[in-house]
Amino acid sequence: MTRPANTTGSMAATPPSGSGGYVLGTDPSEQARLRRQSAELADQGRALLERIPLGAGQRAIDLGCGPSGLLELLSDRVGSNGLVFGVDCDPSNVNAARNLARDRGLANARILVGDARSTGLPSDVFDLVHARFLLLNIPRPEEVICEMTRLAKPGGWVASQEPDVLLLCEPPHRDWQRLVALFEATYLRDGADPRIGRRLPELFRDAGLEDVRVALHADHHTDGDTRHSVFPDVVKSLRAKLIERRLAGETELDTLDESVRAHLRAPGTMTVPHLLFSVWGRKPC
């Protein structure tokens, strides 16, 4: 019988300071989107881990893990004698990740509430420090990369998968472009960079990482592909913020969402939401 996951462990993360500025919401619909995203990006997560010498008995941490993140893949990679930590600033995401660890029998998982910029965890502990789709959603991402570097062991690896948002739609559609404008206005106001993917190698080198490597992946999506609607799904997560800032009203957002989703269902409509940059580098010994 599989042992239940110990979700506390001997290390405690620093509670979030409230200054993280995560662009997207944390309501149940956003949690569901994040869980779906983890499943949809599982192949890319595996491909990244195959490029990094992480093995049985080692320690890994997933910053900004949300309700699932890369926890299952990391747990499987380090095995029963290894440890996997997940850190997220939102307690509801942490509870969801703990439930996932329990339900999937991830006995080597420890899930903590904490700030990715200042986790409070010991330095030089992890063989791999990972984050995915976190850096694009926060201002000052270099602070998180510095924290990731601090947490890694000398000779250990820091890795991130971040998009370089393109938001291509063919054939073009006026309401799609309106959603793009709203999306970009929100990220600009929050100081976040949806095109951070192209900057990752430089940010890694600025943090002192060596042997920085890059893998680039692009997908196109059509009707029937769950990733085809990823962009209107993200805008839906921004809905409360868009209304609060008077960038758009409820009626307009409802109309735009319905119109764009109808366009995406039309035969031949193709989307390319982003380029996916996988970047990994080694902490000097």
C-alpha atoms as a PDB file:
ATOM      1  CA  MET A   1       0.000   0.000   0.000  1.00  0.00           C
ATOM      2  CA  THR A   2       1.297   3.474  -0.872  1.00  0.00           C
ATOM      3  CA  ARG A   3       2.153   5.649   2.087  1.00  0.00           C
ATOM      4  CA  PRO A   4       0.352   9.003   2.300  1.00  0.00           C
ATOM      5  CA  ALA A   5       2.406  12.016   1.351  1.00  0.00           C
ATOM      6  CA  ASN A   6       4.143  13.947   4.124  1.00  0.00           C
ATOM      7  CA  THR A   7       3.227  17.437   3.062  1.00  0.00           C
ATOM      8  CA  THR A   8       5.093  19.385   5.712  1.00  0.00           C
ATOM      9  CA  GLY A   9       8.578  17.935   5.983  1.00  0.00           C
ATOM     10  CA  SER A  10      11.420  19.414   8.069  1.00  0.00           C
ATOM     11  CA  MET A  11      11.753  22.667   6.138  1.00  0.00           C
ATOM     12  CA  ALA A  12       9.275  25.524   6.238  1.00  0.00           C
ATOM     13  CA  ALA A  13       8.914  28.202   3.611  1.00  0.00           C
ATOM     14  CA  THR A  14       8.475  31.880   4.322  1.00  0.00           C
ATOM     15  CA  PRO A  15       4.826  32.974   3.971  1.00  0.00           C
ATOM     16  CA  PRO A  16       4.205  35.237   0.974  1.00  0.00           C
ATOM     17  CA  SER A  17       4.754  38.918   1.603  1.00  0.00           C
ATOM     18  CA  GLY A  18       1.809  40.052  -0.515  1.00  0.00           C
ATOM     19  CA  SER A  19       4.056  41.934  -2.928  1.00  0.00           C
ATOM     20  CA  GLY A  20       4.414  39.216  -5.500  1.00  0.00           C
ATOM     21  CA  GLY A  21       1.956  40.722  -7.949  1.00  0.00           C
ATOM     22  CA  TYR A  22       0.858  37.473  -9.642  1.00  0.00           C
ATOM     23  CA  VAL A  23      -1.146  38.657 -12.642  1.00  0.00           C
ATOM     24  CA  LEU A  24      -3.688  35.852 -12.890  1.00  0.00           C
ATOM     25  CA  GLY A  25      -6.375  35.045 -10.350  1.00  0.00           C
ATOM     26  CA  THR A  26      -6.563  32.192  -7.864  1.00  0.00           C
ATOM     27  CA  ASP A  27     -10.241  31.247  -8.010  1.00  0.00           C
ATOM     28  CA  PRO A  28     -11.470  27.673  -8.691  1.00  0.00           C
ATOM     29  CA  SER A  29     -11.703  28.236 -12.447  1.00  0.00           C
ATOM     30  CA  GLU A  30      -8.057  29.331 -12.538  1.00  0.00           C
ATOM     31  CA  GLN A  31      -7.068  26.274 -10.509  1.00  0.00           C
ATOM     32  CA  ALA A  32      -8.885  24.067 -13.006  1.00  0.00           C
ATOM     33  CA  ARG A  33      -7.060  25.815 -15.863  1.00  0.00           C
ATOM     34  CA  LEU A  34      -3.716  25.255 -14.156  1.00  0.00           C
ATOM     35  CA  ARG A  35      -4.432  21.550 -13.623  1.00  0.00           C
ATOM     36  CA  ARG A  36      -5.363  21.197 -17.291  1.00  0.00           C
ATOM     37  CA  GLN A  37      -2.231  23.096 -18.256  1.00  0.00           C
ATOM     38  CA  SER A  38      -0.059  20.667 -16.282  1.00  0.00           C
ATOM     39  CA  ALA A  39      -1.550  17.740 -18.170  1.00  0.00           C
ATOM     40  CA  GLU A  40      -1.253  19.473 -21.535  1.00  0.00           C
ATOM     41  CA  LEU A  41       2.402  20.393 -20.968  1.00  0.00           C
ATOM     42  CA  ALA A  42       3.442  17.063 -19.454  1.00  0.00           C
ATOM     43  CA  ASP A  43       5.342  15.982 -22.573  1.00  0.00           C
ATOM     44  CA  GLN A  44       7.350  19.192 -22.556  1.00  0.00           C
ATOM     45  CA  GLY A  45       8.061  18.745 -18.862  1.00  0.00           C
ATOM     46  CA  ARG A  46       9.354  15.232 -19.495  1.00  0.00           C
ATOM     47  CA  ALA A  47      11.498  16.457 -22.364  1.00  0.00           C
ATOM     48  CA  LEU A  48      13.095  19.056 -20.091  1.00  0.00           C
ATOM     49  CA  LEU A  49      13.818  16.527 -17.335  1.00  0.00           C
ATOM     50  CA  GLU A  50      15.412  14.179 -19.842  1.00  0.00           C
ATOM     51  CA  ARG A  51      17.968  16.902 -20.565  1.00  0.00           C
ATOM     52  CA  ILE A  52      18.911  17.404 -16.895  1.00  0.00           C
ATOM     53  CA  PRO A  53      20.880  14.844 -14.831  1.00  0.00           C
ATOM     54  CA  LEU A  54      18.311  14.486 -12.050  1.00  0.00           C
ATOM     55  CA  GLY A  55      18.126  10.982 -10.644  1.00  0.00           C
ATOM     56  CA  ALA A  56      16.960   8.715  -7.853  1.00  0.00           C
ATOM     57  CA  GLY A  57      17.593   9.893  -4.314  1.00  0.00           C
ATOM     58  CA  GLN A  58      18.026  13.554  -5.219  1.00  0.00           C
ATOM     59  CA  ARG A  59      16.059  16.654  -4.211  1.00  0.00           C
ATOM     60  CA  ALA A  60      14.002  18.900  -6.475  1.00  0.00           C
ATOM     61  CA  ILE A  61      11.728  21.874  -5.902  1.00  0.00           C
ATOM     62  CA  ASP A  62       8.967  23.360  -8.060  1.00  0.00           C
ATOM     63  CA  LEU A  63       8.421  27.069  -7.346  1.00  0.00           C
ATOM     64  CA  GLY A  64       4.967  28.424  -8.143  1.00  0.00           C
ATOM     65  CA  CYS A  65       3.709  24.851  -8.416  1.00  0.00           C
ATOM     66  CA  GLY A  66       0.030  25.821  -8.292  1.00  0.00           C
ATOM     67  CA  PRO A  67      -2.343  22.879  -7.737  1.00  0.00           C
ATOM     68  CA  SER A  68      -0.140  20.399  -9.641  1.00  0.00           C
ATOM     69  CA  GLY A  69       2.813  21.852 -11.527  1.00  0.00           C
ATOM     70  CA  LEU A  70       5.593  19.387 -12.247  1.00  0.00           C
ATOM     71  CA  LEU A  71       5.189  17.569  -8.940  1.00  0.00           C
ATOM     72  CA  GLU A  72       4.250  14.155 -10.317  1.00  0.00           C
ATOM     73  CA  LEU A  73       7.032  14.110 -12.902  1.00  0.00           C
ATOM     74  CA  LEU A  74       9.629  15.211 -10.355  1.00  0.00           C
ATOM     75  CA  SER A  75       8.376  12.720  -7.783  1.00  0.00           C
ATOM     76  CA  ASP A  76       8.734   9.881 -10.251  1.00  0.00           C
ATOM     77  CA  ARG A  77      12.192  11.049 -11.308  1.00  0.00           C
ATOM     78  CA  VAL A  78      13.753  11.182  -7.811  1.00  0.00           C
ATOM     79  CA  GLY A  79      12.003   8.036  -6.572  1.00  0.00           C
ATOM     80  CA  SER A  80      11.134   6.909  -3.073  1.00  0.00           C
ATOM     81  CA  ASN A  81      14.539   7.858  -1.656  1.00  0.00           C
ATOM     82  CA  GLY A  82      14.390  11.391  -3.054  1.00  0.00           C
ATOM     83  CA  LEU A  83      12.366  14.443  -2.053  1.00  0.00           C
ATOM     84  CA  VAL A  84      10.238  16.866  -4.028  1.00  0.00           C
ATOM     85  CA  PHE A  85       9.128  20.216  -2.648  1.00  0.00           C
ATOM     86  CA  GLY A  86       6.385  22.379  -4.069  1.00  0.00           C
ATOM     87  CA  VAL A  87       6.037  26.040  -3.092  1.00  0.00           C
ATOM     88  CA  ASP A  88       3.151  28.366  -3.928  1.00  0.00           C
ATOM     89  CA  CYS A  89       2.059  31.707  -2.481  1.00  0.00           C
ATOM     90  CA  ASP A  90      -1.646  30.842  -2.552  1.00  0.00           C
ATOM     91  CA  PRO A  91      -2.876  28.594   0.293  1.00  0.00           C
ATOM     92  CA  SER A  92      -5.731  27.242  -1.841  1.00  0.00           C
ATOM     93  CA  ASN A  93      -3.229  26.080  -4.464  1.00  0.00           C
ATOM     94  CA  VAL A  94      -1.123  24.504  -1.734  1.00  0.00           C
ATOM     95  CA  ASN A  95      -4.129  22.620  -0.377  1.00  0.00           C
ATOM     96  CA  ALA A  96      -4.987  21.417  -3.889  1.00  0.00           C
ATOM     97  CA  ALA A  97      -1.387  20.277  -4.447  1.00  0.00           C
ATOM     98  CA  ARG A  98      -1.384  18.460  -1.097  1.00  0.00           C
ATOM     99  CA  ASN A  99      -4.584  16.691  -2.100  1.00  0.00           C
ATOM    100  CA  LEU A 100      -2.979  15.721  -5.394  1.00  0.00           C
ATOM    101  CA  ALA A 101       0.075  14.352  -3.576  1.00  0.00           C
ATOM    102  CA  ARG A 102      -2.164  12.350  -1.263  1.00  0.00           C
ATOM    103  CA  ASP A 103      -4.434  11.028  -3.997  1.00  0.00           C
ATOM    104  CA  ARG A 104      -1.553  10.079  -6.320  1.00  0.00           C
ATOM    105  CA  GLY A 105       0.522   8.539  -3.538  1.00  0.00           C
ATOM    106  CA  LEU A 106       3.415  10.978  -3.852  1.00  0.00           C
ATOM    107  CA  ALA A 107       4.965   9.997  -0.537  1.00  0.00           C
ATOM    108  CA  ASN A 108       8.139  11.944  -1.281  1.00  0.00           C
ATOM    109  CA  ALA A 109       6.306  15.271  -1.773  1.00  0.00           C
ATOM    110  CA  ARG A 110       6.354  18.235   0.605  1.00  0.00           C
ATOM    111  CA  ILE A 111       4.061  21.146  -0.310  1.00  0.00           C
ATOM    112  CA  LEU A 112       4.592  24.524   1.362  1.00  0.00           C
ATOM    113  CA  VAL A 113       3.088  28.008   1.326  1.00  0.00           C
ATOM    114  CA  GLY A 114       5.812  30.479   0.441  1.00  0.00           C
ATOM    115  CA  ASP A 115       7.059  33.400  -1.619  1.00  0.00           C
ATOM    116  CA  ALA A 116       9.093  32.371  -4.673  1.00  0.00           C
ATOM    117  CA  ARG A 117      11.230  35.500  -4.267  1.00  0.00           C
ATOM    118  CA  SER A 118      12.165  34.669  -0.672  1.00  0.00           C
ATOM    119  CA  THR A 119      11.252  31.120   0.300  1.00  0.00           C
ATOM    120  CA  GLY A 120      13.147  31.095   3.586  1.00  0.00           C
ATOM    121  CA  LEU A 121      14.415  27.613   2.733  1.00  0.00           C
ATOM    122  CA  PRO A 122      18.114  26.770   3.253  1.00  0.00           C
ATOM    123  CA  SER A 123      20.666  27.591   0.584  1.00  0.00           C
ATOM    124  CA  ASP A 124      22.513  25.015  -1.516  1.00  0.00           C
ATOM    125  CA  VAL A 125      19.964  22.229  -0.932  1.00  0.00           C
ATOM    126  CA  PHE A 126      18.388  21.175  -4.237  1.00  0.00           C
ATOM    127  CA  ASP A 127      19.761  19.246  -7.190  1.00  0.00           C
ATOM    128  CA  LEU A 128      17.095  20.894  -9.377  1.00  0.00           C
ATOM    129  CA  VAL A 129      15.146  24.119  -8.857  1.00  0.00           C
ATOM    130  CA  HIS A 130      12.312  24.470 -11.355  1.00  0.00           C
ATOM    131  CA  ALA A 131       9.594  26.981 -12.253  1.00  0.00           C
ATOM    132  CA  ARG A 132       7.123  26.931 -15.127  1.00  0.00           C
ATOM    133  CA  PHE A 133       4.830  29.723 -16.372  1.00  0.00           C
ATOM    134  CA  LEU A 134       5.625  31.685 -13.232  1.00  0.00           C
ATOM    135  CA  LEU A 135       8.103  34.319 -14.363  1.00  0.00           C
ATOM    136  CA  LEU A 136       5.851  35.768 -17.081  1.00  0.00           C
ATOM    137  CA  ASN A 137       3.125  36.448 -14.514  1.00  0.00           C
ATOM    138  CA  ILE A 138       5.100  38.519 -12.020  1.00  0.00           C
ATOM    139  CA  PRO A 139       7.080  41.763 -11.977  1.00  0.00           C
ATOM    140  CA  ARG A 140      10.807  41.590 -11.181  1.00  0.00           C
ATOM    141  CA  PRO A 141      11.302  37.982 -12.336  1.00  0.00           C
ATOM    142  CA  GLU A 142      15.065  38.303 -11.825  1.00  0.00           C
ATOM    143  CA  GLU A 143      14.430  38.193  -8.073  1.00  0.00           C
ATOM    144  CA  VAL A 144      12.891  34.736  -8.407  1.00  0.00           C
ATOM    145  CA  ILE A 145      15.780  33.538 -10.576  1.00  0.00           C
ATOM    146  CA  CYS A 146      18.246  34.722  -7.926  1.00  0.00           C
ATOM    147  CA  GLU A 147      16.285  32.799  -5.295  1.00  0.00           C
ATOM    148  CA  MET A 148      16.265  29.721  -7.513  1.00  0.00           C
ATOM    149  CA  THR A 149      20.031  29.991  -7.865  1.00  0.00           C
ATOM    150  CA  ARG A 150      20.463  30.343  -4.111  1.00  0.00           C
ATOM    151  CA  LEU A 151      18.427  27.207  -3.439  1.00  0.00           C
ATOM    152  CA  ALA A 152      20.387  25.049  -5.899  1.00  0.00           C
ATOM    153  CA  LYS A 153      23.374  23.033  -4.736  1.00  0.00           C
ATOM    154  CA  PRO A 154      26.760  23.957  -6.180  1.00  0.00           C
ATOM    155  CA  GLY A 155      26.781  21.962  -9.408  1.00  0.00           C
ATOM    156  CA  GLY A 156      22.978  21.682  -9.288  1.00  0.00           C
ATOM    157  CA  TRP A 157      20.563  22.872 -11.950  1.00  0.00           C
ATOM    158  CA  VAL A 158      18.088  25.720 -12.305  1.00  0.00           C
ATOM    159  CA  ALA A 159      15.433  25.288 -15.000  1.00  0.00           C
ATOM    160  CA  SER A 160      12.408  27.183 -16.226  1.00  0.00           C
ATOM    161  CA  GLN A 161       9.834  26.820 -18.960  1.00  0.00           C
ATOM    162  CA  GLU A 162       8.341  30.146 -19.977  1.00  0.00           C
ATOM    163  CA  PRO A 163       6.387  31.312 -23.021  1.00  0.00           C
ATOM    164  CA  ASP A 164       7.174  34.001 -25.481  1.00  0.00           C
ATOM    165  CA  VAL A 165       3.586  35.007 -26.146  1.00  0.00           C
ATOM    166  CA  LEU A 166       2.668  35.393 -29.837  1.00  0.00           C
ATOM    167  CA  LEU A 167      -1.143  35.151 -29.846  1.00  0.00           C
ATOM    168  CA  LEU A 168      -1.384  34.410 -33.550  1.00  0.00           C
ATOM    169  CA  CYS A 169      -4.790  33.573 -34.949  1.00  0.00           C
ATOM    170  CA  GLU A 170      -5.489  32.707 -38.583  1.00  0.00           C
ATOM    171  CA  PRO A 171      -7.757  33.788 -40.108  1.00  0.00           C
ATOM    172  CA  PRO A 172      -7.599  37.062 -38.148  1.00  0.00           C
ATOM    173  CA  HIS A 173     -10.566  38.133 -36.062  1.00  0.00           C
ATOM    174  CA  ARG A 174     -11.430  41.576 -34.715  1.00  0.00           C
ATOM    175  CA  ASP A 175     -12.608  40.324 -31.300  1.00  0.00           C
ATOM    176  CA  TRP A 176      -9.492  38.180 -30.887  1.00  0.00           C
ATOM    177  CA  GLN A 177      -7.428  41.345 -31.384  1.00  0.00           C
ATOM    178  CA  ARG A 178      -9.513  43.167 -28.783  1.00  0.00           C
ATOM    179  CA  LEU A 179      -8.732  40.391 -26.268  1.00  0.00           C
ATOM    180  CA  VAL A 180      -5.048  40.702 -27.166  1.00  0.00           C
ATOM    181  CA  ALA A 181      -5.176  44.436 -26.422  1.00  0.00           C
ATOM    182  CA  LEU A 182      -6.844  43.817 -23.051  1.00  0.00           C
ATOM    183  CA  PHE A 183      -4.349  41.087 -22.186  1.00  0.00           C
ATOM    184  CA  GLU A 184      -1.345  43.262 -23.030  1.00  0.00           C
ATOM    185  CA  ALA A 185      -2.733  46.265 -21.159  1.00  0.00           C
ATOM    186  CA  THR A 186      -3.173  44.183 -18.018  1.00  0.00           C
ATOM    187  CA  TYR A 187       0.331  42.707 -18.128  1.00  0.00           C
ATOM    188  CA  LEU A 188       1.860  46.107 -18.858  1.00  0.00           C
ATOM    189  CA  ARG A 189       0.097  47.704 -15.897  1.00  0.00           C
ATOM    190  CA  ASP A 190       1.227  44.872 -13.599  1.00  0.00           C
ATOM    191  CA  GLY A 191       4.833  45.123 -14.732  1.00  0.00           C
ATOM    192  CA  ALA A 192       4.873  41.559 -16.038  1.00  0.00           C
ATOM    193  CA  ASP A 193       6.438  40.440 -19.309  1.00  0.00           C
ATOM    194  CA  PRO A 194       4.465  37.963 -21.449  1.00  0.00           C
ATOM    195  CA  ARG A 195       7.454  37.714 -23.807  1.00  0.00           C
ATOM    196  CA  ILE A 196       9.924  36.748 -21.119  1.00  0.00           C
ATOM    197  CA  GLY A 197      10.833  33.490 -22.865  1.00  0.00           C
ATOM    198  CA  ARG A 198      13.345  35.170 -25.155  1.00  0.00           C
ATOM    199  CA  ARG A 199      14.993  36.876 -22.155  1.00  0.00           C
ATOM    200  CA  LEU A 200      15.467  33.762 -20.025  1.00  0.00           C
ATOM    201  CA  PRO A 201      18.979  32.788 -21.181  1.00  0.00           C
ATOM    202  CA  GLU A 202      20.298  36.277 -20.410  1.00  0.00           C
ATOM    203  CA  LEU A 203      18.521  36.357 -17.040  1.00  0.00           C
ATOM    204  CA  PHE A 204      20.025  32.991 -16.142  1.00  0.00           C
ATOM    205  CA  ARG A 205      23.525  34.145 -17.033  1.00  0.00           C
ATOM    206  CA  ASP A 206      23.019  37.398 -15.096  1.00  0.00           C
ATOM    207  CA  ALA A 207      22.193  35.271 -12.025  1.00  0.00           C
ATOM    208  CA  GLY A 208      25.586  33.593 -12.311  1.00  0.00           C
ATOM    209  CA  LEU A 209      24.465  30.318 -13.860  1.00  0.00           C
ATOM    210  CA  GLU A 210      26.811  28.493 -16.210  1.00  0.00           C
ATOM    211  CA  ASP A 211      26.374  26.120 -19.137  1.00  0.00           C
ATOM    212  CA  VAL A 212      23.027  27.766 -19.933  1.00  0.00           C
ATOM    213  CA  ARG A 213      21.150  25.813 -22.583  1.00  0.00           C
ATOM    214  CA  VAL A 214      17.938  26.440 -24.526  1.00  0.00           C
ATOM    215  CA  ALA A 215      15.310  24.274 -26.198  1.00  0.00           C
ATOM    216  CA  LEU A 216      12.515  25.914 -28.168  1.00  0.00           C
ATOM    217  CA  HIS A 217       9.121  24.377 -28.896  1.00  0.00           C
ATOM    218  CA  ALA A 218       6.120  25.687 -30.835  1.00  0.00           C
ATOM    219  CA  ASP A 219       2.667  24.176 -31.310  1.00  0.00           C
ATOM    220  CA  HIS A 220      -0.244  25.200 -33.455  1.00  0.00           C
ATOM    221  CA  HIS A 221      -3.783  24.364 -32.410  1.00  0.00           C
ATOM    222  CA  THR A 222      -7.084  23.768 -34.189  1.00  0.00           C
ATOM    223  CA  ASP A 223     -10.626  22.869 -33.166  1.00  0.00           C
ATOM    224  CA  GLY A 224     -10.725  19.840 -30.878  1.00  0.00           C
ATOM    225  CA  ASP A 225      -7.334  20.592 -29.322  1.00  0.00           C
ATOM    226  CA  THR A 226      -7.718  21.680 -25.680  1.00  0.00           C
ATOM    227  CA  ARG A 227      -4.878  24.189 -26.055  1.00  0.00           C
ATOM    228  CA  HIS A 228      -6.808  25.920 -28.855  1.00  0.00           C
ATOM    229  CA  SER A 229      -8.764  27.926 -26.271  1.00  0.00           C
ATOM    230  CA  VAL A 230      -5.847  28.642 -23.925  1.00  0.00           C
ATOM    231  CA  PHE A 231      -5.865  32.375 -24.700  1.00  0.00           C
ATOM    232  CA  PRO A 232      -9.557  33.129 -24.004  1.00  0.00           C
ATOM    233  CA  ASP A 233      -9.206  30.912 -20.922  1.00  0.00           C
ATOM    234  CA  VAL A 234      -6.358  33.110 -19.661  1.00  0.00           C
ATOM    235  CA  VAL A 235      -8.360  36.277 -20.368  1.00  0.00           C
ATOM    236  CA  LYS A 236     -11.215  34.779 -18.357  1.00  0.00           C
ATOM    237  CA  SER A 237      -8.797  34.483 -15.417  1.00  0.00           C
ATOM    238  CA  LEU A 238      -8.108  38.213 -15.819  1.00  0.00           C
ATOM    239  CA  ARG A 239     -11.808  39.092 -15.878  1.00  0.00           C
ATOM    240  CA  ALA A 240     -12.114  40.512 -12.343  1.00  0.00           C
ATOM    241  CA  LYS A 241      -9.019  42.643 -12.832  1.00  0.00           C
ATOM    242  CA  LEU A 242     -10.210  43.941 -16.216  1.00  0.00           C
ATOM    243  CA  ILE A 243     -13.542  45.003 -14.738  1.00  0.00           C
ATOM    244  CA  GLU A 244     -11.997  46.520 -11.605  1.00  0.00           C
ATOM    245  CA  ARG A 245      -9.629  48.600 -13.719  1.00  0.00           C
ATOM    246  CA  ARG A 246     -12.438  49.608 -16.091  1.00  0.00           C
ATOM    247  CA  LEU A 247     -10.576  48.250 -19.068  1.00  0.00           C
ATOM    248  CA  ALA A 248     -13.712  46.363 -20.090  1.00  0.00           C
ATOM    249  CA  GLY A 249     -17.203  45.747 -18.779  1.00  0.00           C
ATOM    250  CA  GLU A 250     -18.961  42.466 -18.058  1.00  0.00           C
ATOM    251  CA  THR A 251     -21.188  42.665 -21.116  1.00  0.00           C
ATOM    252  CA  GLU A 252     -18.272  43.340 -23.462  1.00  0.00           C
ATOM    253  CA  LEU A 253     -16.215  40.516 -21.964  1.00  0.00           C
ATOM    254  CA  ASP A 254     -19.123  38.084 -22.322  1.00  0.00           C
ATOM    255  CA  THR A 255     -19.623  39.112 -25.940  1.00  0.00           C
ATOM    256  CA  LEU A 256     -15.917  38.885 -26.773  1.00  0.00           C
ATOM    257  CA  ASP A 257     -15.556  35.486 -25.153  1.00  0.00           C
ATOM    258  CA  GLU A 258     -18.532  34.040 -27.019  1.00  0.00           C
ATOM    259  CA  SER A 259     -17.417  35.540 -30.336  1.00  0.00           C
ATOM    260  CA  VAL A 260     -13.806  34.350 -30.055  1.00  0.00           C
ATOM    261  CA  ARG A 261     -14.751  30.834 -29.008  1.00  0.00           C
ATOM    262  CA  ALA A 262     -17.150  30.593 -31.948  1.00  0.00           C
ATOM    263  CA  HIS A 263     -14.328  31.692 -34.257  1.00  0.00           C
ATOM    264  CA  LEU A 264     -12.039  29.040 -32.770  1.00  0.00           C
ATOM    265  CA  ARG A 265     -14.640  26.350 -33.460  1.00  0.00           C
ATOM    266  CA  ALA A 266     -14.823  27.295 -37.136  1.00  0.00           C
ATOM    267  CA  PRO A 267     -13.140  24.769 -39.466  1.00  0.00           C
ATOM    268  CA  GLY A 268      -9.659  25.870 -40.436  1.00  0.00           C
ATOM    269  CA  THR A 269      -9.096  28.375 -37.635  1.00  0.00           C
ATOM    270  CA  MET A 270      -5.546  27.969 -36.317  1.00  0.00           C
ATOM    271  CA  THR A 271      -3.842  29.501 -33.290  1.00  0.00           C
ATOM    272  CA  VAL A 272      -0.217  29.720 -32.191  1.00  0.00           C
ATOM    273  CA  PRO A 273      -0.386  31.084 -28.642  1.00  0.00           C
ATOM    274  CA  HIS A 274       3.330  31.150 -27.851  1.00  0.00           C
ATOM    275  CA  LEU A 275       6.818  29.815 -28.295  1.00  0.00           C
ATOM    276  CA  LEU A 276       7.855  27.712 -25.305  1.00  0.00           C
ATOM    277  CA  PHE A 277      11.389  28.353 -24.093  1.00  0.00           C
ATOM    278  CA  SER A 278      12.929  25.647 -21.910  1.00  0.00           C
ATOM    279  CA  VAL A 279      16.085  27.035 -20.344  1.00  0.00           C
ATOM    280  CA  TRP A 280      18.386  25.342 -17.857  1.00  0.00           C
ATOM    281  CA  GLY A 281      21.737  26.247 -16.333  1.00  0.00           C
ATOM    282  CA  ARG A 282      24.161  24.923 -13.722  1.00  0.00           C
ATOM    283  CA  LYS A 283      25.162  26.649 -10.499  1.00  0.00           C
ATOM    284  CA  PRO A 284      28.950  26.978 -10.284  1.00  0.00           C
ATOM    285  CA  CYS A 285      30.678  24.594  -7.904  1.00  0.00           C
END
